[in-house]
Amino acid sequence: MNRDTLNEDLYLRPEKPYPTGYKIVPKDDWVKAVSSHKVSIEVLIRGYGTVEEDWGYLNRTVDAHIIYFVIKGGIRALFYNTGSSQTAREEVTIGPGELFWVAPQVRHDFSLLVKGTPLTLFYMRLAARLDSGEPCRTERDFFHLRQVTHLLPWFEQFFTELQENDRYHQECLRGYLVLFFSRIFRHYYSQSGQPDAQPQLNPKQREAIQNFLLTHLKNRVTPQDLAGVVNLSPDYFARQFKQTYGVIPRTWLVQEKMRLASVELVTTRKSITRVAAELGYSDLYLFSRQFKNVCGCSPREFRLRHN
């Protein structure tokens, strides 16, 4: 995937006041609408690859749903107020293992989080229409989901299904989409919490945890180690962690190591044994089993698919 591919803007529409011509389907009804055929989804563009250097967009609006799932690197997104205002509304950073879903016609800037650091991602543009033919979206401008490495197998399987053309193809596609949006909203509500939910880890705490893991990859990092990094008791840390990431610390540690392994398998020629060893696995069978549980296939199969 090169910069020209990502700059494909076939579905841009001239700038209009927000929102224009889109019916709102409440987020609580979105999954049910997709599963009951009240909302149909069409994949306009999809791909996987790496971009470098000057990738980005300025002051862009797209007449489609944008979905990015970051594998390596990061994106800085800046959203503007609706209409013609140029006043910045919100800045968000999307890192590895995170997913971003932007609604149509939401004005934004995208750039590399760290200039010169390659960005590897899955990306899609989707068109959503009601059974009446009218385009639709949810009431939210964007969804930002952290720690959704478990969606990696979904992207693999969905992209494979898009190449099929048998009698059950459309049913399979709809099934994958229902599963995808169900997982998105389940994780969204788990991540955002209810009014009486436990507080979440703040950005500095999340960064400290990530950095600790990256500098101790060969070690057997435990949830207690992570709690010590942010100076919280193990029990209180576990509750905050689950509220932040949607999974318990032990599950996150495995998912994060497997995400890092997937990047190494695709971007380097290191042997699977070496990749496992650099992540602290002396037991290749255990590494392969955990990789398959997270990524949906063996390390060897994963490398073959992406090379």
Protein backbone atom coordinates (compact mmCIF):
# COMPACT_ATOMS: atom_id res chain seq x y z
CA MET A 1 0.00 0.00 0.00
CA ASN A 2 1.55 3.34 -1.01
CA ARG A 3 0.64 6.91 -0.40
CA ASP A 4 -1.31 7.16 -3.66
CA THR A 5 -3.51 4.28 -2.58
CA LEU A 6 -4.37 5.91 0.73
CA ASN A 7 -5.01 9.23 -0.99
CA GLU A 8 -7.79 7.68 -3.08
CA ASP A 9 -10.55 10.27 -2.73
CA LEU A 10 -13.19 8.92 -5.08
CA TYR A 11 -15.96 9.48 -2.60
CA LEU A 12 -15.42 13.10 -1.59
CA ARG A 13 -18.40 15.43 -1.77
CA PRO A 14 -18.27 19.24 -1.96
CA GLU A 15 -18.25 20.85 1.43
CA LYS A 16 -21.72 21.38 2.94
CA PRO A 17 -23.06 22.28 6.40
CA TYR A 18 -22.93 19.32 8.76
CA PRO A 19 -24.72 16.96 8.57
CA THR A 20 -26.04 16.87 5.02
CA GLY A 21 -28.49 14.28 3.79
CA TYR A 22 -27.66 11.69 6.46
CA LYS A 23 -30.30 10.00 8.55
CA ILE A 24 -29.24 9.36 12.14
CA VAL A 25 -29.46 5.81 13.45
CA PRO A 26 -28.86 5.91 17.24
CA LYS A 27 -25.75 3.99 18.21
CA ASP A 28 -27.84 1.76 20.49
CA ASP A 29 -29.87 0.67 17.44
CA TRP A 30 -27.04 0.36 14.91
CA VAL A 31 -26.24 -3.34 15.34
CA LYS A 32 -29.91 -4.33 15.29
CA ALA A 33 -30.46 -2.24 12.14
CA VAL A 34 -27.55 -3.93 10.35
CA SER A 35 -28.61 -7.44 11.40
CA SER A 36 -32.26 -6.86 10.42
CA HIS A 37 -31.37 -5.51 6.92
CA LYS A 38 -32.68 -2.02 7.80
CA VAL A 39 -29.14 -0.75 7.21
CA SER A 40 -27.00 -2.13 4.37
CA ILE A 41 -23.22 -1.74 4.33
CA GLU A 42 -21.10 -1.50 1.19
CA VAL A 43 -17.29 -1.68 1.28
CA LEU A 44 -15.98 1.08 -0.99
CA ILE A 45 -12.25 0.81 -0.29
CA ARG A 46 -10.24 -1.55 1.90
CA GLY A 47 -6.61 -2.47 2.30
CA TYR A 48 -3.63 -3.25 4.50
CA GLY A 49 -0.11 -1.87 4.34
CA THR A 50 2.50 0.61 5.51
CA VAL A 51 2.93 4.32 4.76
CA GLU A 52 5.89 6.55 5.60
CA GLU A 53 7.14 10.12 5.73
CA ASP A 54 4.59 12.70 4.57
CA TRP A 55 1.32 10.73 4.78
CA GLY A 56 -1.64 12.77 5.95
CA TYR A 57 -4.73 14.81 5.10
CA LEU A 58 -5.61 18.43 5.88
CA ASN A 59 -9.11 19.88 6.25
CA ARG A 60 -10.72 16.80 4.73
CA THR A 61 -14.32 15.61 4.68
CA VAL A 62 -15.19 12.20 3.22
CA ASP A 63 -18.62 11.03 2.11
CA ALA A 64 -18.12 7.61 3.69
CA HIS A 65 -17.46 5.93 7.02
CA ILE A 66 -13.69 5.70 7.66
CA ILE A 67 -12.25 2.86 9.74
CA TYR A 68 -8.56 2.59 10.64
CA PHE A 69 -7.10 -0.25 12.71
CA VAL A 70 -3.49 0.57 13.62
CA ILE A 71 -0.95 -2.24 13.82
CA LYS A 72 2.26 -0.22 14.16
CA GLY A 73 3.03 3.49 14.49
CA GLY A 74 0.32 6.03 15.21
CA ILE A 75 -2.02 8.72 13.88
CA ARG A 76 -2.73 12.21 15.18
CA ALA A 77 -6.30 13.23 14.35
CA LEU A 78 -7.65 16.76 14.70
CA PHE A 79 -11.38 17.35 14.39
CA TYR A 80 -13.00 20.70 13.61
CA ASN A 81 -16.32 22.17 14.57
CA THR A 82 -19.13 21.51 12.13
CA GLY A 83 -19.97 23.78 9.25
CA SER A 84 -17.35 26.27 8.07
CA SER A 85 -15.69 26.88 11.46
CA GLN A 86 -11.93 26.25 11.56
CA THR A 87 -11.75 26.19 15.36
CA ALA A 88 -10.22 22.91 16.49
CA ARG A 89 -12.68 20.86 18.50
CA GLU A 90 -10.73 17.82 19.64
CA GLU A 91 -7.36 16.18 19.10
CA VAL A 92 -6.98 12.40 19.41
CA THR A 93 -4.01 10.07 19.01
CA ILE A 94 -4.52 6.52 17.73
CA GLY A 95 -1.78 4.06 18.63
CA PRO A 96 -1.01 0.38 17.97
CA GLY A 97 -3.87 -1.99 18.71
CA GLU A 98 -6.43 0.84 18.52
CA LEU A 99 -9.36 1.37 16.16
CA PHE A 100 -10.89 4.56 14.80
CA TRP A 101 -14.31 4.90 13.17
CA VAL A 102 -15.10 8.34 11.71
CA ALA A 103 -18.59 9.24 10.50
CA PRO A 104 -19.17 10.72 7.01
CA GLN A 105 -18.63 14.44 6.42
CA VAL A 106 -16.75 15.05 9.66
CA ARG A 107 -14.03 17.62 8.97
CA HIS A 108 -10.60 16.45 10.11
CA ASP A 109 -6.80 16.47 9.76
CA PHE A 110 -4.82 13.22 9.88
CA SER A 111 -1.02 13.01 10.21
CA LEU A 112 1.62 10.58 11.41
CA LEU A 113 1.92 10.62 15.20
CA VAL A 114 5.72 10.70 14.93
CA LYS A 115 7.09 12.11 11.69
CA GLY A 116 9.26 9.57 9.90
CA THR A 117 7.87 6.62 11.86
CA PRO A 118 6.10 4.17 9.51
CA LEU A 119 2.39 3.56 9.99
CA THR A 120 1.03 0.04 9.41
CA LEU A 121 -2.75 -0.38 9.40
CA PHE A 122 -5.91 -1.95 8.05
CA TYR A 123 -8.24 0.63 6.54
CA MET A 124 -11.75 0.68 5.11
CA ARG A 125 -14.31 3.11 3.73
CA LEU A 126 -17.90 2.01 4.08
CA ALA A 127 -21.19 3.33 2.73
CA ALA A 128 -24.22 2.76 4.97
CA ARG A 129 -27.78 3.13 3.67
CA LEU A 130 -31.23 2.62 5.08
CA ASP A 131 -33.62 0.26 3.28
CA SER A 132 -35.19 3.44 1.84
CA GLY A 133 -31.88 4.17 0.09
CA GLU A 134 -30.96 7.18 2.26
CA PRO A 135 -27.40 7.34 3.61
CA CYS A 136 -27.08 7.01 7.39
CA ARG A 137 -24.69 7.26 10.32
CA THR A 138 -24.79 7.28 14.11
CA GLU A 139 -25.08 10.44 16.18
CA ARG A 140 -21.38 10.31 17.17
CA ASP A 141 -18.73 11.93 14.96
CA PHE A 142 -16.19 9.25 15.79
CA PHE A 143 -15.45 6.23 17.95
CA HIS A 144 -11.95 5.66 19.32
CA LEU A 145 -11.40 2.21 20.80
CA ARG A 146 -8.24 1.25 22.67
CA GLN A 147 -6.79 -2.23 22.97
CA VAL A 148 -8.86 -4.06 20.38
CA THR A 149 -6.12 -6.42 19.22
CA HIS A 150 -8.72 -9.19 19.37
CA LEU A 151 -10.26 -7.68 16.19
CA LEU A 152 -7.18 -8.59 14.14
CA PRO A 153 -8.58 -12.03 13.13
CA TRP A 154 -11.83 -10.33 12.07
CA PHE A 155 -10.02 -8.09 9.58
CA GLU A 156 -8.11 -11.10 8.21
CA GLN A 157 -11.28 -13.16 7.74
CA PHE A 158 -13.45 -10.30 6.45
CA PHE A 159 -10.92 -9.24 3.82
CA THR A 160 -10.68 -12.86 2.68
CA GLU A 161 -14.47 -13.15 2.45
CA LEU A 162 -14.62 -10.02 0.28
CA GLN A 163 -12.83 -12.02 -2.42
CA GLU A 164 -15.39 -14.84 -2.40
CA ASN A 165 -18.41 -14.96 -4.69
CA ASP A 166 -20.47 -18.04 -3.84
CA ARG A 167 -24.18 -18.29 -3.09
CA TYR A 168 -23.73 -17.50 0.62
CA HIS A 169 -21.31 -14.61 0.12
CA GLN A 170 -23.73 -11.80 1.02
CA GLU A 171 -24.99 -13.64 4.11
CA CYS A 172 -21.41 -14.18 5.27
CA LEU A 173 -20.52 -10.53 4.74
CA ARG A 174 -23.52 -9.38 6.74
CA GLY A 175 -22.64 -11.84 9.49
CA TYR A 176 -19.10 -10.48 9.68
CA LEU A 177 -20.39 -6.90 9.81
CA VAL A 178 -22.88 -7.68 12.58
CA LEU A 179 -20.06 -9.32 14.56
CA PHE A 180 -17.75 -6.37 13.91
CA PHE A 181 -20.17 -3.67 15.03
CA SER A 182 -21.31 -5.77 18.00
CA ARG A 183 -17.73 -6.01 19.21
CA ILE A 184 -17.16 -2.31 18.60
CA PHE A 185 -20.14 -1.24 20.68
CA ARG A 186 -19.49 -3.82 23.40
CA HIS A 187 -15.95 -2.49 23.74
CA TYR A 188 -17.13 1.12 23.49
CA TYR A 189 -19.52 0.74 26.43
CA SER A 190 -16.99 -1.22 28.42
CA GLN A 191 -14.37 1.45 27.74
CA SER A 192 -16.60 4.46 28.38
CA GLY A 193 -18.26 2.91 31.43
CA GLN A 194 -21.52 3.73 33.17
CA PRO A 195 -22.12 6.69 35.51
CA ASP A 196 -21.11 4.62 38.55
CA ALA A 197 -18.15 2.94 36.86
CA GLN A 198 -14.63 2.88 38.26
CA PRO A 199 -12.30 5.67 37.03
CA GLN A 200 -9.99 4.88 34.15
CA LEU A 201 -6.22 5.09 33.85
CA ASN A 202 -5.13 8.48 32.55
CA PRO A 203 -3.00 8.96 29.39
CA LYS A 204 0.28 9.28 31.34
CA GLN A 205 -0.43 6.05 33.21
CA ARG A 206 -1.28 4.24 29.96
CA GLU A 207 1.93 5.53 28.36
CA ALA A 208 4.00 4.43 31.38
CA ILE A 209 2.51 0.92 31.22
CA GLN A 210 3.16 0.64 27.48
CA ASN A 211 6.76 1.84 27.85
CA PHE A 212 7.40 -0.56 30.72
CA LEU A 213 6.26 -3.51 28.64
CA LEU A 214 8.35 -2.42 25.63
CA THR A 215 11.50 -2.22 27.77
CA HIS A 216 10.85 -5.58 29.47
CA LEU A 217 9.72 -7.74 26.56
CA LYS A 218 12.03 -10.63 27.42
CA ASN A 219 10.88 -10.67 31.02
CA ARG A 220 7.79 -12.30 32.50
CA VAL A 221 5.84 -9.10 33.20
CA THR A 222 2.98 -9.60 35.66
CA PRO A 223 -0.13 -7.52 36.48
CA GLN A 224 1.56 -6.71 39.81
CA ASP A 225 4.51 -5.22 37.90
CA LEU A 226 2.16 -2.97 35.92
CA ALA A 227 0.37 -1.88 39.10
CA GLY A 228 3.75 -0.89 40.56
CA VAL A 229 4.57 1.23 37.52
CA VAL A 230 1.60 3.52 38.23
CA ASN A 231 1.82 3.21 42.05
CA LEU A 232 -1.58 1.58 42.55
CA SER A 233 -2.57 -1.42 44.62
CA PRO A 234 -2.99 -4.58 42.50
CA ASP A 235 -6.75 -4.84 43.15
CA TYR A 236 -7.52 -1.18 42.45
CA PHE A 237 -5.22 -1.23 39.41
CA ALA A 238 -7.00 -4.32 38.03
CA ARG A 239 -10.37 -2.56 38.25
CA GLN A 240 -9.08 0.62 36.60
CA PHE A 241 -7.28 -1.39 33.93
CA LYS A 242 -10.38 -3.40 33.02
CA GLN A 243 -12.41 -0.19 32.88
CA THR A 244 -9.81 1.38 30.56
CA TYR A 245 -8.99 -1.48 28.19
CA GLY A 246 -11.98 -3.79 28.48
CA VAL A 247 -9.82 -6.78 29.42
CA ILE A 248 -7.90 -7.88 32.51
CA PRO A 249 -4.15 -7.06 32.67
CA ARG A 250 -3.02 -10.65 32.05
CA THR A 251 -5.08 -10.87 28.85
CA TRP A 252 -3.76 -7.48 27.68
CA LEU A 253 -0.16 -8.59 28.21
CA VAL A 254 -0.66 -11.58 25.92
CA GLN A 255 -2.58 -9.58 23.30
CA GLU A 256 0.04 -6.84 23.25
CA LYS A 257 2.93 -9.28 22.83
CA MET A 258 1.10 -11.04 20.02
CA ARG A 259 0.44 -7.69 18.31
CA LEU A 260 4.16 -6.91 18.50
CA ALA A 261 4.91 -10.39 17.17
CA SER A 262 2.57 -9.86 14.20
CA VAL A 263 4.46 -6.68 13.26
CA GLU A 264 7.83 -8.45 13.44
CA LEU A 265 6.57 -11.35 11.33
CA VAL A 266 5.38 -9.01 8.57
CA THR A 267 8.09 -6.33 8.59
CA THR A 268 11.23 -8.43 9.25
CA ARG A 269 12.76 -11.73 8.13
CA LYS A 270 13.44 -12.93 11.66
CA SER A 271 12.69 -16.58 12.29
CA ILE A 272 9.57 -17.40 14.31
CA THR A 273 11.80 -18.84 17.02
CA ARG A 274 13.74 -15.57 17.26
CA VAL A 275 10.56 -13.46 17.34
CA ALA A 276 9.24 -15.65 20.16
CA ALA A 277 12.53 -15.42 22.08
CA GLU A 278 12.65 -11.62 21.81
CA LEU A 279 9.21 -11.53 23.40
CA GLY A 280 10.28 -13.76 26.27
CA TYR A 281 9.00 -17.12 24.98
CA SER A 282 11.35 -20.08 25.32
CA ASP A 283 8.47 -22.46 24.58
CA LEU A 284 7.67 -22.14 20.86
CA TYR A 285 4.53 -24.25 21.22
CA LEU A 286 3.13 -21.88 23.88
CA PHE A 287 3.99 -18.86 21.72
CA SER A 288 2.31 -20.37 18.66
CA ARG A 289 -0.78 -21.34 20.62
CA GLN A 290 -1.21 -17.88 22.14
CA PHE A 291 -0.54 -16.24 18.76
CA LYS A 292 -3.28 -18.32 17.14
CA ASN A 293 -5.70 -17.53 19.98
CA VAL A 294 -5.17 -13.78 19.45
CA CYS A 295 -4.58 -13.53 15.69
CA GLY A 296 -6.68 -16.42 14.43
CA CYS A 297 -3.90 -18.37 12.69
CA SER A 298 -0.41 -19.70 13.35
CA PRO A 299 2.64 -17.38 13.09
CA ARG A 300 3.72 -19.16 9.91
CA GLU A 301 0.28 -18.77 8.29
CA PHE A 302 0.16 -15.11 9.31
CA ARG A 303 3.51 -14.39 7.69
CA LEU A 304 2.56 -16.19 4.48
CA ARG A 305 -0.72 -14.26 4.17
CA HIS A 306 0.98 -10.88 4.46
CA ASN A 307 4.00 -11.62 2.31
